[in-house]
């Protein structure tokens, strides 16, 4: 994820997601709360939680995201 970018606020009705940060620091907004997640750490988001990810740094953010069940077709943008 390029520096100083963010995803749009959204939720998944069925899918939960786990993000593992490979490189950089991720900022998550989940249900109006802000979380900072460092390289080498993971972050879990339950289904129906309103969320988005930010890269507020000047370096690229690299992560793996696992969705269970798949999140394709299960996203509502706000």
PDB file of N, CA and C in Angstrom:
ATOM      1  N   UNK A   1       0.862  -1.160   0.000  1.00  0.00           N
ATOM      2  CA  UNK A   1       0.000   0.000   0.000  1.00  0.00           C
ATOM      3  C   UNK A   1       0.912   1.226   0.000  1.00  0.00           C
ATOM      4  N   UNK A   2       0.743   2.103  -0.956  1.00  0.00           N
ATOM      5  CA  UNK A   2       1.626   3.271  -1.059  1.00  0.00           C
ATOM      6  C   UNK A   2       1.523   4.194   0.160  1.00  0.00           C
ATOM      7  N   UNK A   3       2.535   5.024   0.360  1.00  0.00           N
ATOM      8  CA  UNK A   3       2.511   5.987   1.463  1.00  0.00           C
ATOM      9  C   UNK A   3       1.308   6.925   1.387  1.00  0.00           C
ATOM     10  N   UNK A   4       0.825   7.317   2.557  1.00  0.00           N
ATOM     11  CA  UNK A   4      -0.244   8.309   2.677  1.00  0.00           C
ATOM     12  C   UNK A   4      -1.497   7.961   1.872  1.00  0.00           C
ATOM     13  N   UNK A   5      -1.896   6.673   1.926  1.00  0.00           N
ATOM     14  CA  UNK A   5      -3.122   6.232   1.259  1.00  0.00           C
ATOM     15  C   UNK A   5      -4.025   5.559   2.281  1.00  0.00           C
ATOM     16  N   UNK A   6      -5.272   5.390   1.892  1.00  0.00           N
ATOM     17  CA  UNK A   6      -6.243   4.742   2.770  1.00  0.00           C
ATOM     18  C   UNK A   6      -7.305   4.055   1.935  1.00  0.00           C
ATOM     19  N   UNK A   7      -7.919   3.053   2.525  1.00  0.00           N
ATOM     20  CA  UNK A   7      -9.030   2.359   1.918  1.00  0.00           C
ATOM     21  C   UNK A   7     -10.318   3.074   2.326  1.00  0.00           C
ATOM     22  N   UNK A   8     -11.388   2.877   1.589  1.00  0.00           N
ATOM     23  CA  UNK A   8     -12.662   3.475   1.979  1.00  0.00           C
ATOM     24  C   UNK A   8     -13.281   2.682   3.135  1.00  0.00           C
ATOM     25  N   UNK A   9     -14.064   3.364   3.931  1.00  0.00           N
ATOM     26  CA  UNK A   9     -14.739   2.751   5.066  1.00  0.00           C
ATOM     27  C   UNK A   9     -15.763   1.748   4.533  1.00  0.00           C
ATOM     28  N   UNK A  10     -15.777   0.528   5.117  1.00  0.00           N
ATOM     29  CA  UNK A  10     -16.645  -0.531   4.622  1.00  0.00           C
ATOM     30  C   UNK A  10     -16.836  -1.607   5.693  1.00  0.00           C
ATOM     31  N   UNK A  11     -17.656  -2.594   5.370  1.00  0.00           N
ATOM     32  CA  UNK A  11     -17.789  -3.776   6.221  1.00  0.00           C
ATOM     33  C   UNK A  11     -18.115  -4.984   5.357  1.00  0.00           C
ATOM     34  N   UNK A  12     -17.930  -6.158   5.932  1.00  0.00           N
ATOM     35  CA  UNK A  12     -18.251  -7.429   5.290  1.00  0.00           C
ATOM     36  C   UNK A  12     -19.319  -8.115   6.139  1.00  0.00           C
ATOM     37  N   UNK A  13     -20.410  -8.533   5.527  1.00  0.00           N
ATOM     38  CA  UNK A  13     -21.510  -9.148   6.268  1.00  0.00           C
ATOM     39  C   UNK A  13     -21.159 -10.540   6.784  1.00  0.00           C
ATOM     40  N   UNK A  14     -20.352 -11.277   6.034  1.00  0.00           N
ATOM     41  CA  UNK A  14     -20.037 -12.661   6.404  1.00  0.00           C
ATOM     42  C   UNK A  14     -18.566 -12.877   6.728  1.00  0.00           C
ATOM     43  N   UNK A  15     -17.691 -12.159   6.059  1.00  0.00           N
ATOM     44  CA  UNK A  15     -16.249 -12.434   6.158  1.00  0.00           C
ATOM     45  C   UNK A  15     -15.613 -11.752   7.362  1.00  0.00           C
ATOM     46  N   UNK A  16     -14.819 -12.522   8.083  1.00  0.00           N
ATOM     47  CA  UNK A  16     -13.893 -11.953   9.058  1.00  0.00           C
ATOM     48  C   UNK A  16     -12.551 -11.862   8.347  1.00  0.00           C
ATOM     49  N   UNK A  17     -11.681 -10.973   8.813  1.00  0.00           N
ATOM     50  CA  UNK A  17     -10.389 -10.792   8.156  1.00  0.00           C
ATOM     51  C   UNK A  17      -9.266 -10.737   9.181  1.00  0.00           C
ATOM     52  N   UNK A  18      -8.118 -11.277   8.750  1.00  0.00           N
ATOM     53  CA  UNK A  18      -6.911 -11.203   9.559  1.00  0.00           C
ATOM     54  C   UNK A  18      -5.821 -10.577   8.697  1.00  0.00           C
ATOM     55  N   UNK A  19      -5.239  -9.497   9.186  1.00  0.00           N
ATOM     56  CA  UNK A  19      -4.153  -8.802   8.501  1.00  0.00           C
ATOM     57  C   UNK A  19      -2.853  -9.110   9.236  1.00  0.00           C
ATOM     58  N   UNK A  20      -1.828  -9.510   8.499  1.00  0.00           N
ATOM     59  CA  UNK A  20      -0.490  -9.701   9.066  1.00  0.00           C
ATOM     60  C   UNK A  20       0.431  -8.687   8.393  1.00  0.00           C
ATOM     61  N   UNK A  21       1.064  -7.849   9.189  1.00  0.00           N
ATOM     62  CA  UNK A  21       1.885  -6.753   8.660  1.00  0.00           C
ATOM     63  C   UNK A  21       3.301  -7.252   8.396  1.00  0.00           C
ATOM     64  N   UNK A  22       3.690  -7.266   7.130  1.00  0.00           N
ATOM     65  CA  UNK A  22       5.018  -7.724   6.713  1.00  0.00           C
ATOM     66  C   UNK A  22       6.065  -6.627   6.814  1.00  0.00           C
ATOM     67  N   UNK A  23       5.675  -5.408   6.433  1.00  0.00           N
ATOM     68  CA  UNK A  23       6.623  -4.302   6.391  1.00  0.00           C
ATOM     69  C   UNK A  23       5.879  -2.993   6.617  1.00  0.00           C
ATOM     70  N   UNK A  24       6.323  -2.218   7.600  1.00  0.00           N
ATOM     71  CA  UNK A  24       5.725  -0.921   7.869  1.00  0.00           C
ATOM     72  C   UNK A  24       4.804  -0.948   9.074  1.00  0.00           C
ATOM     73  N   UNK A  25       4.007   0.101   9.181  1.00  0.00           N
ATOM     74  CA  UNK A  25       3.040   0.253  10.270  1.00  0.00           C
ATOM     75  C   UNK A  25       1.678   0.560   9.657  1.00  0.00           C
ATOM     76  N   UNK A  26       0.684  -0.252  10.003  1.00  0.00           N
ATOM     77  CA  UNK A  26      -0.683  -0.051   9.522  1.00  0.00           C
ATOM     78  C   UNK A  26      -1.495   0.667  10.589  1.00  0.00           C
ATOM     79  N   UNK A  27      -2.375   1.523  10.145  1.00  0.00           N
ATOM     80  CA  UNK A  27      -3.354   2.141  11.034  1.00  0.00           C
ATOM     81  C   UNK A  27      -4.722   1.646  10.593  1.00  0.00           C
ATOM     82  N   UNK A  28      -5.481   1.113  11.544  1.00  0.00           N
ATOM     83  CA  UNK A  28      -6.822   0.630  11.272  1.00  0.00           C
ATOM     84  C   UNK A  28      -7.834   1.493  12.004  1.00  0.00           C
ATOM     85  N   UNK A  29      -8.936   1.781  11.344  1.00  0.00           N
ATOM     86  CA  UNK A  29     -10.106   2.338  12.002  1.00  0.00           C
ATOM     87  C   UNK A  29     -11.143   1.221  12.026  1.00  0.00           C
ATOM     88  N   UNK A  30     -11.579   0.841  13.213  1.00  0.00           N
ATOM     89  CA  UNK A  30     -12.574  -0.215  13.375  1.00  0.00           C
ATOM     90  C   UNK A  30     -13.636   0.282  14.349  1.00  0.00           C
ATOM     91  N   UNK A  31     -14.853   0.379  13.869  1.00  0.00           N
ATOM     92  CA  UNK A  31     -15.969   0.854  14.696  1.00  0.00           C
ATOM     93  C   UNK A  31     -15.605   2.142  15.450  1.00  0.00           C
ATOM     94  N   UNK A  32     -15.040   3.095  14.717  1.00  0.00           N
ATOM     95  CA  UNK A  32     -14.672   4.429  15.235  1.00  0.00           C
ATOM     96  C   UNK A  32     -13.513   4.433  16.226  1.00  0.00           C
ATOM     97  N   UNK A  33     -12.791   3.339  16.359  1.00  0.00           N
ATOM     98  CA  UNK A  33     -11.589   3.274  17.196  1.00  0.00           C
ATOM     99  C   UNK A  33     -10.377   3.172  16.276  1.00  0.00           C
ATOM    100  N   UNK A  34      -9.246   3.747  16.679  1.00  0.00           N
ATOM    101  CA  UNK A  34      -8.016   3.736  15.878  1.00  0.00           C
ATOM    102  C   UNK A  34      -7.004   2.803  16.533  1.00  0.00           C
ATOM    103  N   UNK A  35      -6.361   1.950  15.696  1.00  0.00           N
ATOM    104  CA  UNK A  35      -5.358   0.993  16.157  1.00  0.00           C
ATOM    105  C   UNK A  35      -4.130   1.102  15.267  1.00  0.00           C
ATOM    106  N   UNK A  36      -2.962   1.028  15.870  1.00  0.00           N
ATOM    107  CA  UNK A  36      -1.701   1.019  15.139  1.00  0.00           C
ATOM    108  C   UNK A  36      -1.104  -0.380  15.258  1.00  0.00           C
ATOM    109  N   UNK A  37      -0.736  -0.956  14.117  1.00  0.00           N
ATOM    110  CA  UNK A  37      -0.219  -2.328  14.102  1.00  0.00           C
ATOM    111  C   UNK A  37       1.145  -2.328  13.421  1.00  0.00           C
ATOM    112  N   UNK A  38       2.140  -2.763  14.168  1.00  0.00           N
ATOM    113  CA  UNK A  38       3.529  -2.746  13.701  1.00  0.00           C
ATOM    114  C   UNK A  38       3.879  -3.990  12.887  1.00  0.00           C
ATOM    115  N   UNK A  39       4.940  -3.866  12.137  1.00  0.00           N
ATOM    116  CA  UNK A  39       5.534  -4.966  11.373  1.00  0.00           C
ATOM    117  C   UNK A  39       5.720  -6.192  12.274  1.00  0.00           C
ATOM    118  N   UNK A  40       5.332  -7.368  11.768  1.00  0.00           N
ATOM    119  CA  UNK A  40       5.475  -8.610  12.516  1.00  0.00           C
ATOM    120  C   UNK A  40       4.299  -8.919  13.427  1.00  0.00           C
ATOM    121  N   UNK A  41       3.262  -8.093  13.374  1.00  0.00           N
ATOM    122  CA  UNK A  41       2.070  -8.293  14.200  1.00  0.00           C
ATOM    123  C   UNK A  41       0.848  -8.493  13.320  1.00  0.00           C
ATOM    124  N   UNK A  42      -0.199  -9.055  13.927  1.00  0.00           N
ATOM    125  CA  UNK A  42      -1.441  -9.302  13.207  1.00  0.00           C
ATOM    126  C   UNK A  42      -2.599  -8.550  13.825  1.00  0.00           C
ATOM    127  N   UNK A  43      -3.706  -8.468  13.055  1.00  0.00           N
ATOM    128  CA  UNK A  43      -4.888  -7.743  13.508  1.00  0.00           C
ATOM    129  C   UNK A  43      -6.123  -8.433  12.945  1.00  0.00           C
ATOM    130  N   UNK A  44      -7.077  -8.739  13.808  1.00  0.00           N
ATOM    131  CA  UNK A  44      -8.291  -9.462  13.433  1.00  0.00           C
ATOM    132  C   UNK A  44      -9.484  -8.520  13.409  1.00  0.00           C
ATOM    133  N   UNK A  45     -10.299  -8.630  12.365  1.00  0.00           N
ATOM    134  CA  UNK A  45     -11.530  -7.849  12.233  1.00  0.00           C
ATOM    135  C   UNK A  45     -12.681  -8.826  12.042  1.00  0.00           C
ATOM    136  N   UNK A  46     -13.678  -8.728  12.910  1.00  0.00           N
ATOM    137  CA  UNK A  46     -14.853  -9.602  12.830  1.00  0.00           C
ATOM    138  C   UNK A  46     -15.780  -9.155  11.702  1.00  0.00           C
ATOM    139  N   UNK A  47     -16.620 -10.071  11.236  1.00  0.00           N
ATOM    140  CA  UNK A  47     -17.658  -9.726  10.270  1.00  0.00           C
ATOM    141  C   UNK A  47     -18.540  -8.632  10.863  1.00  0.00           C
ATOM    142  N   UNK A  48     -19.028  -7.768  10.010  1.00  0.00           N
ATOM    143  CA  UNK A  48     -19.922  -6.653  10.346  1.00  0.00           C
ATOM    144  C   UNK A  48     -19.253  -5.501  11.081  1.00  0.00           C
ATOM    145  N   UNK A  49     -17.954  -5.563  11.328  1.00  0.00           N
ATOM    146  CA  UNK A  49     -17.273  -4.416  11.917  1.00  0.00           C
ATOM    147  C   UNK A  49     -16.923  -3.432  10.800  1.00  0.00           C
ATOM    148  N   UNK A  50     -17.312  -2.180  10.976  1.00  0.00           N
ATOM    149  CA  UNK A  50     -17.002  -1.128  10.010  1.00  0.00           C
ATOM    150  C   UNK A  50     -15.519  -0.800  10.151  1.00  0.00           C
ATOM    151  N   UNK A  51     -14.790  -0.849   9.035  1.00  0.00           N
ATOM    152  CA  UNK A  51     -13.340  -0.679   9.122  1.00  0.00           C
ATOM    153  C   UNK A  51     -12.723  -0.120   7.842  1.00  0.00           C
ATOM    154  N   UNK A  52     -11.474   0.292   7.998  1.00  0.00           N
ATOM    155  CA  UNK A  52     -10.603   0.654   6.876  1.00  0.00           C
ATOM    156  C   UNK A  52      -9.167   0.633   7.375  1.00  0.00           C
ATOM    157  N   UNK A  53      -8.241   0.547   6.421  1.00  0.00           N
ATOM    158  CA  UNK A  53      -6.818   0.551   6.721  1.00  0.00           C
ATOM    159  C   UNK A  53      -6.195   1.790   6.103  1.00  0.00           C
ATOM    160  N   UNK A  54      -5.235   2.356   6.815  1.00  0.00           N
ATOM    161  CA  UNK A  54      -4.483   3.528   6.357  1.00  0.00           C
ATOM    162  C   UNK A  54      -2.997   3.189   6.336  1.00  0.00           C
ATOM    163  N   UNK A  55      -2.272   3.840   5.442  1.00  0.00           N
ATOM    164  CA  UNK A  55      -0.821   3.895   5.532  1.00  0.00           C
ATOM    165  C   UNK A  55      -0.474   5.368   5.717  1.00  0.00           C
ATOM    166  N   UNK A  56      -0.274   5.766   6.955  1.00  0.00           N
ATOM    167  CA  UNK A  56      -0.001   7.173   7.275  1.00  0.00           C
ATOM    168  C   UNK A  56       1.491   7.486   7.283  1.00  0.00           C
ATOM    169  N   UNK A  57       2.310   6.564   6.788  1.00  0.00           N
ATOM    170  CA  UNK A  57       3.758   6.753   6.798  1.00  0.00           C
ATOM    171  C   UNK A  57       4.256   7.191   5.426  1.00  0.00           C
ATOM    172  N   UNK A  58       5.559   7.411   5.338  1.00  0.00           N
ATOM    173  CA  UNK A  58       6.175   7.803   4.063  1.00  0.00           C
ATOM    174  C   UNK A  58       6.796   6.616   3.347  1.00  0.00           C
ATOM    175  N   UNK A  59       6.587   5.404   3.872  1.00  0.00           N
ATOM    176  CA  UNK A  59       7.105   4.180   3.254  1.00  0.00           C
ATOM    177  C   UNK A  59       5.946   3.286   2.841  1.00  0.00           C
ATOM    178  N   UNK A  60       6.213   2.368   1.899  1.00  0.00           N
ATOM    179  CA  UNK A  60       5.192   1.401   1.501  1.00  0.00           C
ATOM    180  C   UNK A  60       4.810   0.520   2.683  1.00  0.00           C
ATOM    181  N   UNK A  61       3.542   0.123   2.733  1.00  0.00           N
ATOM    182  CA  UNK A  61       3.022  -0.809   3.721  1.00  0.00           C
ATOM    183  C   UNK A  61       2.742  -2.122   3.007  1.00  0.00           C
ATOM    184  N   UNK A  62       3.312  -3.205   3.526  1.00  0.00           N
ATOM    185  CA  UNK A  62       3.092  -4.524   2.934  1.00  0.00           C
ATOM    186  C   UNK A  62       2.423  -5.414   3.969  1.00  0.00           C
ATOM    187  N   UNK A  63       1.379  -6.131   3.538  1.00  0.00           N
ATOM    188  CA  UNK A  63       0.656  -7.001   4.455  1.00  0.00           C
ATOM    189  C   UNK A  63       0.015  -8.149   3.687  1.00  0.00           C
ATOM    190  N   UNK A  64      -0.354  -9.168   4.440  1.00  0.00           N
ATOM    191  CA  UNK A  64      -1.149 -10.276   3.934  1.00  0.00           C
ATOM    192  C   UNK A  64      -2.508 -10.161   4.599  1.00  0.00           C
ATOM    193  N   UNK A  65      -3.569 -10.331   3.838  1.00  0.00           N
ATOM    194  CA  UNK A  65      -4.905 -10.349   4.432  1.00  0.00           C
ATOM    195  C   UNK A  65      -5.581 -11.666   4.070  1.00  0.00           C
ATOM    196  N   UNK A  66      -6.147 -12.307   5.088  1.00  0.00           N
ATOM    197  CA  UNK A  66      -6.868 -13.570   4.913  1.00  0.00           C
ATOM    198  C   UNK A  66      -8.315 -13.313   5.286  1.00  0.00           C
ATOM    199  N   UNK A  67      -9.228 -13.666   4.401  1.00  0.00           N
ATOM    200  CA  UNK A  67     -10.655 -13.492   4.642  1.00  0.00           C
ATOM    201  C   UNK A  67     -11.320 -14.862   4.723  1.00  0.00           C
ATOM    202  N   UNK A  68     -12.183 -15.040   5.723  1.00  0.00           N
ATOM    203  CA  UNK A  68     -12.884 -16.313   5.916  1.00  0.00           C
ATOM    204  C   UNK A  68     -14.323 -16.038   6.294  1.00  0.00           C
ATOM    205  N   UNK A  69     -15.316 -16.432   5.493  1.00  0.00           N
ATOM    206  CA  UNK A  69     -15.134 -16.926   4.123  1.00  0.00           C
ATOM    207  C   UNK A  69     -14.645 -15.796   3.224  1.00  0.00           C
ATOM    208  N   UNK A  70     -14.491 -16.068   1.945  1.00  0.00           N
ATOM    209  CA  UNK A  70     -13.946 -15.057   1.036  1.00  0.00           C
ATOM    210  C   UNK A  70     -14.755 -13.766   1.114  1.00  0.00           C
ATOM    211  N   UNK A  71     -14.076 -12.650   0.942  1.00  0.00           N
ATOM    212  CA  UNK A  71     -14.736 -11.342   1.050  1.00  0.00           C
ATOM    213  C   UNK A  71     -15.207 -10.800  -0.294  1.00  0.00           C
ATOM    214  N   UNK A  72     -14.837 -11.440  -1.384  1.00  0.00           N
ATOM    215  CA  UNK A  72     -15.265 -10.972  -2.706  1.00  0.00           C
ATOM    216  C   UNK A  72     -16.785 -11.100  -2.802  1.00  0.00           C
ATOM    217  N   UNK A  73     -17.452 -10.010  -3.151  1.00  0.00           N
ATOM    218  CA  UNK A  73     -18.895  -9.990  -3.230  1.00  0.00           C
ATOM    219  C   UNK A  73     -19.569  -9.802  -1.881  1.00  0.00           C
ATOM    220  N   UNK A  74     -18.758  -9.613  -0.829  1.00  0.00           N
ATOM    221  CA  UNK A  74     -19.273  -9.436   0.537  1.00  0.00           C
ATOM    222  C   UNK A  74     -18.691  -8.147   1.119  1.00  0.00           C
ATOM    223  N   UNK A  75     -18.840  -7.057   0.410  1.00  0.00           N
ATOM    224  CA  UNK A  75     -18.303  -5.775   0.865  1.00  0.00           C
ATOM    225  C   UNK A  75     -19.342  -4.697   0.634  1.00  0.00           C
ATOM    226  N   UNK A  76     -19.614  -3.935   1.683  1.00  0.00           N
ATOM    227  CA  UNK A  76     -20.526  -2.801   1.596  1.00  0.00           C
ATOM    228  C   UNK A  76     -19.729  -1.544   1.918  1.00  0.00           C
ATOM    229  N   UNK A  77     -19.554  -0.668   0.918  1.00  0.00           N
ATOM    230  CA  UNK A  77     -18.842   0.593   1.119  1.00  0.00           C
ATOM    231  C   UNK A  77     -19.790   1.606   1.758  1.00  0.00           C
ATOM    232  N   UNK A  78     -19.219   2.409   2.647  1.00  0.00           N
ATOM    233  CA  UNK A  78     -20.016   3.418   3.349  1.00  0.00           C
ATOM    234  C   UNK A  78     -19.649   4.822   2.879  1.00  0.00           C
TER     235      UNK A  78
END
